[in-house]
Amino acid sequence: GWKDVISTTIINFNNEKMQITWAARELFPGENVSFSYTFDEGKHKVWKPCPTYLLDQDYNSGCLFKTEGPTLAISIRNSNGSEELFSKSLKSDFFIKPNRPENVTFFWKEDTVTVSCNKPEGAVKCLRLELQYKSKFDKEWQSRTSKCCSVGEQGFDPRKCYSFRVRLKRLVPYCNVVNYSSDWEAETFWRNGTLLDSCADDIKSQSNTVIVLSCLLAVLLVILTFLILLCKWQRLQKSVMPAIPDPKYMFADLFNEHNGNFQEWIDKTDHAVVQTKLEYEEQECIIEAESQKEDEKNSDKEGPREKIFTFSGAAENNDPKAAQIAHLMPTSNTIASFTGFQILMNDDMYVML
C-alpha cells in the first residue's frame, strides 16, 4: 500500500512537455529506478521509456517527455524493470503551466493603465492575466487580475515611476488541480506613459533634490546665525569701546580749507568767533552788572570780586586781539580766559596770563 502515498510533482508545460519528478533518495534509497509512460487508453497500452532523466546526485529523480494527449499513465519500476514500485493515471490537462504572456503592451490614459497581450492557443477561458505594480513608495506589489488577455487599473500618479510585471494564471479548480502560473514577464519601468530603464534614476533625482534643499537651508541658517552674532558683537563693541569722535568732521573747514594749518585757520576764524562770543558774553556781563549791585552791598567783608569771562578764538600771549577784547570789557575786577591764555583785569590794570 505504500505505493499509493508516493509523492510526485507533475507539470504540463503549456500542453507541450511533461515533467514528472519524485524524491528518489528518500523514496528509493540505494536504488536507481526506471520510469515509463503512455498516453494510450484501454488494455493495449504501449509503454515508452523515459527519453530524458532528471538526476539528483546520479540518481534518477524525474523524467521529461513530450505531451501527446489528455490522459497520462506513468509507472516507476526497479532498476531492471522486474518490479513496479509506483503507478498512476491522470489528466494531463489539469496540470498545465502556461507560458509567459507574449507581446505585452501598455496603454496610458491620464491615471489609467491598460495592459494587454496576445491570446495564447488553447483554452483561453481557463487563463487569467495578472498585473502587479509598485512605486518606490510601496513596500509590496499591488496586484490586479482580469480575464485574458487585458487588464486595467486606475489611480496612477503621472509624477511617479512604477515597476510593472505580468503573468498568466490557470483557474483552479475548474481547469487545474494545481495552482500553476506562468513565469513573470520581464519587469518594465514606466512614468506617465514613458518607458524608462529603471526607477533608480527617479529615486536618485528625488534624493538629489532633497540634498540640495537641505544644503540651501543649512546655508541660510548659517548666514542668519552669522548676522545675529554680528549685530550682537557690534552692540557689545560699542558698549565696551565707544567710538572716538573724529575732529576732522567737527572742524571740517580746518582740514578741508586750510589742510590742517591751525595757525592759518585760527587767524581767519578768530574775529568771527570772538565777535560771536562777545555778543554772548555781553549778555552775561549785563546779568553780572545787575547782580553786581547786590554783591557790592556785601563786598565790604569779602573784598573785591573777580569775574571770569571765557572767550574762544584768541591767539597766543600778547595777541593784539586780546587788547581789543580787553578794551571792551567792563572796568571791574575781571578775568577773561581765552584759548591759550588768560587776561586778569583789576580796576585799570590788565594782566595777561
Foldseek 3Di string as FASTA:
>chain_A
DVQVVFDWDWAQEQLWKIKIFGDCCVPPNPFAKWKWKFPDDDDPTDIDTAPDFDDDVNHGGMGMDTRDAQKMKMWIGTPVRPGTRYIDIDGNQQRYAYAWFAPWDWDDDPFKIKIFGDQDPDDQQQKKKKKWKDFPVDPDIDIDIDRHTMDMDGDHDLLTKMKMKMWMWGDPPVGHPDTHIYDIDDIWIDHNRDTDPDCVVVVVVVVVVVVVVVVVVVVVVVVVVVVVVVVVVVVVCCVVPNDDDDVCVVCVCCCPVVVVPPVVVLVVCQVVQQVVLVVVVVVVVVVVVVCVVVVVVVCPVVPFDEAEAEGERDDEPPGVVVVVVVVVDDQGQYWYHYVHWIWTHHRPDIDID
